[in-house]
Amino acid sequence: MLLSKQKKVEAMKKRILIMVNVVGSAGPLRFVVNEDEIVASVIDMALKSYAREGRLPVLGSNFNDFLLYCPLTGSDALNSFDTIGAHGGRNFMLCKRPQTDKATDIGTQAAGITKKGSGSWKSWMNKTLSLKVTSH
């Protein structure tokens, strides 16, 4: 009897509620995952949940086209093979992987021009994190 209670408690400890903000979507997705779940499968779960809810814009279902970010770990995308619980965060941001055109990249590198758009996810994230709540 005691052994089964311990297993239940261990199973409960391993499950966490996460919130995934999808860039361009109205609100976050919330769902429960195991701490041992890899990032790629969390992205897949988020895309399926997003599609099931009928949200716009339509994202597609290929999890390789997306990156998951955690504000606690910095501005680099999470590795697809890391476990989601290893990052210590519960809030994540999902955005589409940037598509690069090799011909454009070669031309840009040759001209020495760097392209940095004002609508990038990094500027959005910095603006979102810099908002401060003021008391009345």
N, C-alpha and C. Protein backbone atom coordinates (compact mmCIF):
# COMPACT_ATOMS: atom_id res chain seq x y z
N MET A 1 0.82 -1.20 0.00
CA MET A 1 0.00 0.00 0.00
C MET A 1 0.86 1.26 0.00
N LEU A 2 1.86 1.27 0.85
CA LEU A 2 2.74 2.42 0.94
C LEU A 2 3.52 2.62 -0.36
N LEU A 3 3.90 1.53 -1.01
CA LEU A 3 4.67 1.61 -2.25
C LEU A 3 3.86 2.26 -3.36
N SER A 4 2.58 1.92 -3.48
CA SER A 4 1.75 2.51 -4.53
C SER A 4 1.54 4.00 -4.29
N LYS A 5 1.44 4.43 -3.03
CA LYS A 5 1.30 5.85 -2.73
C LYS A 5 2.56 6.60 -3.12
N GLN A 6 3.71 5.99 -2.87
CA GLN A 6 4.97 6.64 -3.24
C GLN A 6 5.07 6.80 -4.76
N LYS A 7 4.63 5.80 -5.51
CA LYS A 7 4.67 5.88 -6.97
C LYS A 7 3.76 6.99 -7.46
N LYS A 8 2.58 7.11 -6.85
CA LYS A 8 1.65 8.17 -7.25
C LYS A 8 2.24 9.55 -6.96
N VAL A 9 2.88 9.70 -5.81
CA VAL A 9 3.48 10.98 -5.45
C VAL A 9 4.62 11.31 -6.41
N GLU A 10 5.44 10.32 -6.76
CA GLU A 10 6.53 10.54 -7.70
C GLU A 10 6.00 10.92 -9.07
N ALA A 11 4.92 10.28 -9.50
CA ALA A 11 4.33 10.61 -10.80
C ALA A 11 3.78 12.03 -10.80
N MET A 12 3.20 12.44 -9.68
CA MET A 12 2.65 13.79 -9.58
C MET A 12 3.77 14.83 -9.60
N LYS A 13 4.91 14.54 -9.01
CA LYS A 13 6.01 15.48 -8.97
C LYS A 13 6.60 15.70 -10.36
N LYS A 14 6.54 14.72 -11.20
CA LYS A 14 7.17 14.80 -12.50
C LYS A 14 6.33 15.57 -13.52
N ARG A 15 5.08 15.82 -13.22
CA ARG A 15 4.21 16.53 -14.16
C ARG A 15 4.17 18.01 -13.80
N ILE A 16 4.28 18.86 -14.82
CA ILE A 16 4.26 20.31 -14.59
C ILE A 16 3.29 20.98 -15.56
N LEU A 17 2.71 22.06 -15.11
CA LEU A 17 1.85 22.88 -15.96
C LEU A 17 2.72 23.93 -16.61
N ILE A 18 2.70 23.98 -17.95
CA ILE A 18 3.49 24.98 -18.66
C ILE A 18 2.57 25.89 -19.44
N MET A 19 3.09 27.07 -19.77
CA MET A 19 2.36 28.04 -20.57
C MET A 19 3.25 28.37 -21.77
N VAL A 20 2.69 28.23 -22.96
CA VAL A 20 3.42 28.49 -24.20
C VAL A 20 2.75 29.64 -24.92
N ASN A 21 3.47 30.75 -25.06
CA ASN A 21 2.98 31.89 -25.83
C ASN A 21 3.41 31.70 -27.28
N VAL A 22 2.45 31.75 -28.18
CA VAL A 22 2.74 31.60 -29.60
C VAL A 22 2.78 33.00 -30.20
N VAL A 23 3.88 33.33 -30.86
CA VAL A 23 4.03 34.66 -31.46
C VAL A 23 2.94 34.86 -32.50
N GLY A 24 2.18 35.93 -32.36
CA GLY A 24 1.10 36.24 -33.29
C GLY A 24 -0.25 35.72 -32.86
N SER A 25 -0.32 35.00 -31.75
CA SER A 25 -1.58 34.46 -31.26
C SER A 25 -2.12 35.34 -30.14
N ALA A 26 -3.42 35.24 -29.92
CA ALA A 26 -4.08 36.10 -28.94
C ALA A 26 -3.74 35.76 -27.50
N GLY A 27 -3.53 34.50 -27.21
CA GLY A 27 -3.28 34.13 -25.83
C GLY A 27 -2.43 32.88 -25.72
N PRO A 28 -1.97 32.57 -24.51
CA PRO A 28 -1.08 31.43 -24.32
C PRO A 28 -1.83 30.10 -24.31
N LEU A 29 -1.08 29.05 -24.58
CA LEU A 29 -1.56 27.68 -24.45
C LEU A 29 -1.12 27.18 -23.08
N ARG A 30 -1.97 26.47 -22.40
CA ARG A 30 -1.62 25.88 -21.11
C ARG A 30 -1.90 24.39 -21.16
N PHE A 31 -0.90 23.60 -20.80
CA PHE A 31 -1.11 22.16 -20.72
C PHE A 31 -0.07 21.54 -19.80
N VAL A 32 -0.36 20.31 -19.38
CA VAL A 32 0.48 19.58 -18.44
C VAL A 32 1.39 18.64 -19.22
N VAL A 33 2.68 18.64 -18.85
CA VAL A 33 3.66 17.76 -19.47
C VAL A 33 4.51 17.11 -18.37
N ASN A 34 5.17 16.03 -18.72
CA ASN A 34 6.14 15.43 -17.83
C ASN A 34 7.42 16.23 -17.89
N GLU A 35 8.13 16.33 -16.76
CA GLU A 35 9.40 17.04 -16.74
C GLU A 35 10.42 16.38 -17.65
N ASP A 36 10.28 15.08 -17.89
CA ASP A 36 11.22 14.32 -18.71
C ASP A 36 10.94 14.44 -20.20
N GLU A 37 9.88 15.12 -20.57
CA GLU A 37 9.50 15.28 -21.98
C GLU A 37 10.55 16.11 -22.71
N ILE A 38 10.89 15.70 -23.94
CA ILE A 38 11.88 16.48 -24.69
C ILE A 38 11.20 17.69 -25.34
N VAL A 39 12.00 18.69 -25.63
CA VAL A 39 11.49 19.96 -26.18
C VAL A 39 10.75 19.74 -27.50
N ALA A 40 11.27 18.87 -28.36
CA ALA A 40 10.62 18.63 -29.66
C ALA A 40 9.20 18.10 -29.48
N SER A 41 8.99 17.22 -28.51
CA SER A 41 7.63 16.70 -28.31
C SER A 41 6.72 17.74 -27.67
N VAL A 42 7.28 18.65 -26.88
CA VAL A 42 6.48 19.74 -26.31
C VAL A 42 6.03 20.69 -27.42
N ILE A 43 6.92 20.96 -28.37
CA ILE A 43 6.55 21.79 -29.52
C ILE A 43 5.43 21.11 -30.30
N ASP A 44 5.56 19.80 -30.50
CA ASP A 44 4.53 19.04 -31.22
C ASP A 44 3.19 19.10 -30.48
N MET A 45 3.22 18.94 -29.16
CA MET A 45 1.99 19.01 -28.35
C MET A 45 1.37 20.41 -28.45
N ALA A 46 2.21 21.44 -28.43
CA ALA A 46 1.70 22.81 -28.51
C ALA A 46 1.03 23.06 -29.85
N LEU A 47 1.64 22.58 -30.93
CA LEU A 47 1.05 22.75 -32.26
C LEU A 47 -0.28 22.01 -32.38
N LYS A 48 -0.35 20.81 -31.84
CA LYS A 48 -1.60 20.05 -31.88
C LYS A 48 -2.68 20.72 -31.06
N SER A 49 -2.33 21.22 -29.90
CA SER A 49 -3.29 21.92 -29.05
C SER A 49 -3.78 23.20 -29.73
N TYR A 50 -2.86 23.92 -30.35
CA TYR A 50 -3.18 25.16 -31.07
C TYR A 50 -4.16 24.88 -32.20
N ALA A 51 -3.90 23.83 -32.97
CA ALA A 51 -4.78 23.47 -34.09
C ALA A 51 -6.13 22.97 -33.59
N ARG A 52 -6.14 22.19 -32.52
CA ARG A 52 -7.38 21.64 -31.96
C ARG A 52 -8.30 22.76 -31.50
N GLU A 53 -7.72 23.84 -30.97
CA GLU A 53 -8.52 24.97 -30.50
C GLU A 53 -8.96 25.88 -31.64
N GLY A 54 -8.47 25.63 -32.87
CA GLY A 54 -8.87 26.42 -34.03
C GLY A 54 -8.33 27.84 -34.01
N ARG A 55 -7.17 28.03 -33.46
CA ARG A 55 -6.59 29.36 -33.36
C ARG A 55 -6.03 29.84 -34.70
N LEU A 56 -5.93 31.15 -34.80
CA LEU A 56 -5.35 31.78 -35.98
C LEU A 56 -4.13 32.58 -35.55
N PRO A 57 -3.14 32.74 -36.37
CA PRO A 57 -2.98 32.23 -37.72
C PRO A 57 -2.67 30.73 -37.71
N VAL A 58 -2.99 30.07 -38.80
CA VAL A 58 -2.72 28.64 -38.92
C VAL A 58 -1.21 28.45 -38.99
N LEU A 59 -0.69 27.57 -38.15
CA LEU A 59 0.76 27.39 -38.05
C LEU A 59 1.30 26.21 -38.82
N GLY A 60 0.51 25.17 -38.97
CA GLY A 60 1.01 23.94 -39.57
C GLY A 60 1.30 22.93 -38.47
N SER A 61 1.82 21.77 -38.86
CA SER A 61 2.03 20.72 -37.87
C SER A 61 3.45 20.19 -37.83
N ASN A 62 4.35 20.76 -38.60
CA ASN A 62 5.73 20.28 -38.60
C ASN A 62 6.51 20.97 -37.48
N PHE A 63 6.80 20.21 -36.43
CA PHE A 63 7.48 20.80 -35.28
C PHE A 63 8.91 21.24 -35.59
N ASN A 64 9.49 20.76 -36.69
CA ASN A 64 10.84 21.17 -37.08
C ASN A 64 10.88 22.61 -37.59
N ASP A 65 9.71 23.18 -37.92
CA ASP A 65 9.63 24.55 -38.41
C ASP A 65 9.56 25.58 -37.29
N PHE A 66 9.63 25.13 -36.03
CA PHE A 66 9.43 26.03 -34.89
C PHE A 66 10.55 25.91 -33.88
N LEU A 67 10.73 26.98 -33.12
CA LEU A 67 11.71 27.04 -32.05
C LEU A 67 11.00 27.40 -30.76
N LEU A 68 11.49 26.84 -29.65
CA LEU A 68 10.93 27.13 -28.34
C LEU A 68 11.97 27.88 -27.52
N TYR A 69 11.54 28.97 -26.91
CA TYR A 69 12.44 29.81 -26.12
C TYR A 69 11.94 29.86 -24.69
N CYS A 70 12.88 29.98 -23.76
CA CYS A 70 12.55 30.16 -22.35
C CYS A 70 13.24 31.45 -21.89
N PRO A 71 12.49 32.43 -21.40
CA PRO A 71 13.10 33.70 -20.98
C PRO A 71 14.15 33.52 -19.89
N LEU A 72 14.07 32.47 -19.09
CA LEU A 72 15.03 32.26 -18.02
C LEU A 72 16.40 31.84 -18.53
N THR A 73 16.46 31.22 -19.70
CA THR A 73 17.73 30.70 -20.21
C THR A 73 18.43 31.64 -21.18
N GLY A 74 17.85 32.78 -21.46
CA GLY A 74 18.48 33.74 -22.37
C GLY A 74 17.76 33.79 -23.69
N SER A 75 18.47 34.32 -24.69
CA SER A 75 17.83 34.55 -25.98
C SER A 75 18.06 33.43 -26.99
N ASP A 76 18.72 32.35 -26.58
CA ASP A 76 18.94 31.22 -27.49
C ASP A 76 17.79 30.24 -27.41
N ALA A 77 17.48 29.61 -28.54
CA ALA A 77 16.42 28.61 -28.59
C ALA A 77 16.85 27.38 -27.81
N LEU A 78 15.86 26.69 -27.26
CA LEU A 78 16.15 25.46 -26.53
C LEU A 78 16.52 24.35 -27.49
N ASN A 79 17.42 23.49 -27.07
CA ASN A 79 17.83 22.34 -27.87
C ASN A 79 16.67 21.36 -27.94
N SER A 80 16.39 20.82 -29.10
CA SER A 80 15.26 19.92 -29.32
C SER A 80 15.34 18.63 -28.50
N PHE A 81 16.54 18.25 -28.09
CA PHE A 81 16.70 16.98 -27.37
C PHE A 81 16.85 17.16 -25.86
N ASP A 82 16.80 18.40 -25.37
CA ASP A 82 16.82 18.65 -23.93
C ASP A 82 15.47 18.31 -23.34
N THR A 83 15.45 18.03 -22.05
CA THR A 83 14.17 17.82 -21.38
C THR A 83 13.61 19.18 -20.98
N ILE A 84 12.30 19.28 -20.97
CA ILE A 84 11.64 20.55 -20.70
C ILE A 84 11.83 20.97 -19.25
N GLY A 85 11.93 20.01 -18.34
CA GLY A 85 12.10 20.32 -16.92
C GLY A 85 13.50 20.78 -16.57
N ALA A 86 14.47 20.56 -17.44
CA ALA A 86 15.86 20.91 -17.16
C ALA A 86 16.09 22.42 -17.15
N HIS A 87 15.16 23.19 -17.68
CA HIS A 87 15.36 24.63 -17.81
C HIS A 87 14.80 25.42 -16.63
N GLY A 88 14.03 24.77 -15.79
CA GLY A 88 13.53 25.43 -14.59
C GLY A 88 12.41 26.42 -14.83
N GLY A 89 12.00 26.59 -16.05
CA GLY A 89 10.94 27.54 -16.35
C GLY A 89 9.61 26.87 -16.60
N ARG A 90 8.57 27.64 -16.49
CA ARG A 90 7.22 27.15 -16.78
C ARG A 90 6.59 27.94 -17.93
N ASN A 91 7.21 29.05 -18.30
CA ASN A 91 6.70 29.91 -19.37
C ASN A 91 7.66 29.84 -20.56
N PHE A 92 7.08 29.61 -21.73
CA PHE A 92 7.89 29.46 -22.93
C PHE A 92 7.28 30.27 -24.06
N MET A 93 8.07 30.51 -25.08
CA MET A 93 7.60 31.22 -26.26
C MET A 93 7.90 30.37 -27.49
N LEU A 94 6.89 30.18 -28.34
CA LEU A 94 7.02 29.40 -29.56
C LEU A 94 6.96 30.33 -30.75
N CYS A 95 7.95 30.23 -31.62
CA CYS A 95 7.92 31.05 -32.83
C CYS A 95 8.45 30.24 -34.01
N LYS A 96 8.10 30.70 -35.18
CA LYS A 96 8.50 30.02 -36.41
C LYS A 96 9.99 30.18 -36.62
N ARG A 97 10.63 29.11 -37.06
CA ARG A 97 12.06 29.13 -37.37
C ARG A 97 12.27 30.05 -38.56
N PRO A 98 13.25 30.94 -38.48
CA PRO A 98 13.50 31.85 -39.62
C PRO A 98 13.92 31.07 -40.86
N GLN A 99 13.30 31.39 -41.98
CA GLN A 99 13.64 30.76 -43.25
C GLN A 99 14.67 31.63 -43.94
N THR A 100 15.75 31.03 -44.37
CA THR A 100 16.79 31.80 -45.05
C THR A 100 16.89 31.35 -46.50
N ASP A 101 17.11 32.32 -47.35
CA ASP A 101 17.30 32.05 -48.76
C ASP A 101 18.80 32.17 -49.04
N LYS A 102 19.42 31.10 -49.50
CA LYS A 102 20.87 31.08 -49.67
C LYS A 102 21.35 32.15 -50.65
N ALA A 103 20.61 32.39 -51.71
CA ALA A 103 21.01 33.41 -52.68
C ALA A 103 21.00 34.78 -52.03
N THR A 104 20.01 35.07 -51.21
CA THR A 104 19.93 36.35 -50.52
C THR A 104 21.05 36.47 -49.51
N ASP A 105 21.33 35.38 -48.77
CA ASP A 105 22.39 35.40 -47.78
C ASP A 105 23.74 35.67 -48.42
N ILE A 106 24.01 35.07 -49.55
CA ILE A 106 25.29 35.28 -50.22
C ILE A 106 25.42 36.72 -50.68
N GLY A 107 24.36 37.27 -51.24
CA GLY A 107 24.37 38.66 -51.68
C GLY A 107 24.53 39.62 -50.52
N THR A 108 23.90 39.34 -49.40
CA THR A 108 24.00 40.19 -48.22
C THR A 108 25.40 40.13 -47.65
N GLN A 109 25.98 38.95 -47.58
CA GLN A 109 27.33 38.82 -47.04
C GLN A 109 28.34 39.51 -47.95
N ALA A 110 28.15 39.41 -49.25
CA ALA A 110 29.08 40.04 -50.18
C ALA A 110 29.03 41.56 -50.06
N ALA A 111 27.86 42.10 -49.84
CA ALA A 111 27.72 43.54 -49.73
C ALA A 111 28.08 44.04 -48.33
N GLY A 112 28.21 43.13 -47.37
CA GLY A 112 28.54 43.53 -46.01
C GLY A 112 27.36 44.16 -45.30
N ILE A 113 26.16 43.83 -45.72
CA ILE A 113 24.96 44.42 -45.14
C ILE A 113 24.36 43.40 -44.18
N THR A 114 23.99 43.84 -43.00
CA THR A 114 23.28 42.97 -42.07
C THR A 114 21.85 43.44 -41.99
N LYS A 115 20.95 42.50 -42.01
CA LYS A 115 19.53 42.83 -41.98
C LYS A 115 19.01 42.56 -40.58
N LYS A 116 18.43 43.56 -39.97
CA LYS A 116 17.82 43.40 -38.66
C LYS A 116 16.49 44.12 -38.68
N GLY A 117 15.42 43.36 -38.62
CA GLY A 117 14.10 43.96 -38.68
C GLY A 117 13.64 44.45 -37.33
N SER A 118 12.81 45.45 -37.32
CA SER A 118 12.29 45.98 -36.06
C SER A 118 11.18 45.10 -35.51
N GLY A 119 10.65 44.21 -36.33
CA GLY A 119 9.58 43.34 -35.88
C GLY A 119 10.06 41.97 -35.48
N SER A 120 11.29 41.84 -35.05
CA SER A 120 11.83 40.53 -34.69
C SER A 120 11.25 40.06 -33.37
N TRP A 121 11.35 38.77 -33.11
CA TRP A 121 10.82 38.20 -31.87
C TRP A 121 11.60 38.69 -30.67
N LYS A 122 12.90 38.99 -30.87
CA LYS A 122 13.71 39.46 -29.75
C LYS A 122 13.22 40.82 -29.27
N SER A 123 12.90 41.72 -30.20
CA SER A 123 12.40 43.03 -29.78
C SER A 123 11.03 42.89 -29.13
N TRP A 124 10.21 41.97 -29.64
CA TRP A 124 8.90 41.73 -29.03
C TRP A 124 9.06 41.21 -27.61
N MET A 125 10.00 40.28 -27.44
CA MET A 125 10.23 39.69 -26.12
C MET A 125 10.76 40.74 -25.15
N ASN A 126 11.68 41.58 -25.60
CA ASN A 126 12.22 42.63 -24.73
C ASN A 126 11.14 43.63 -24.33
N LYS A 127 10.27 43.98 -25.27
CA LYS A 127 9.18 44.91 -24.95
C LYS A 127 8.23 44.28 -23.95
N THR A 128 7.91 42.99 -24.15
CA THR A 128 6.98 42.29 -23.27
C THR A 128 7.56 42.16 -21.87
N LEU A 129 8.83 41.79 -21.77
CA LEU A 129 9.44 41.60 -20.46
C LEU A 129 9.72 42.92 -19.75
N SER A 130 9.81 44.01 -20.48
CA SER A 130 10.13 45.29 -19.87
C SER A 130 8.89 46.03 -19.36
N LEU A 131 7.71 45.50 -19.68
CA LEU A 131 6.49 46.14 -19.17
C LEU A 131 6.46 46.02 -17.65
N LYS A 132 6.14 47.09 -17.00
CA LYS A 132 6.11 47.08 -15.55
C LYS A 132 4.71 47.39 -15.08
N VAL A 133 4.28 46.72 -14.04
CA VAL A 133 2.98 46.95 -13.47
C VAL A 133 3.12 48.03 -12.41
N THR A 134 2.31 49.06 -12.53
CA THR A 134 2.36 50.15 -11.56
C THR A 134 1.18 50.03 -10.62
N SER A 135 1.41 50.37 -9.37
CA SER A 135 0.32 50.31 -8.40
C SER A 135 -0.42 51.65 -8.37
N HIS A 136 -1.66 51.60 -7.96
CA HIS A 136 -2.50 52.81 -7.92
C HIS A 136 -2.28 53.57 -6.64
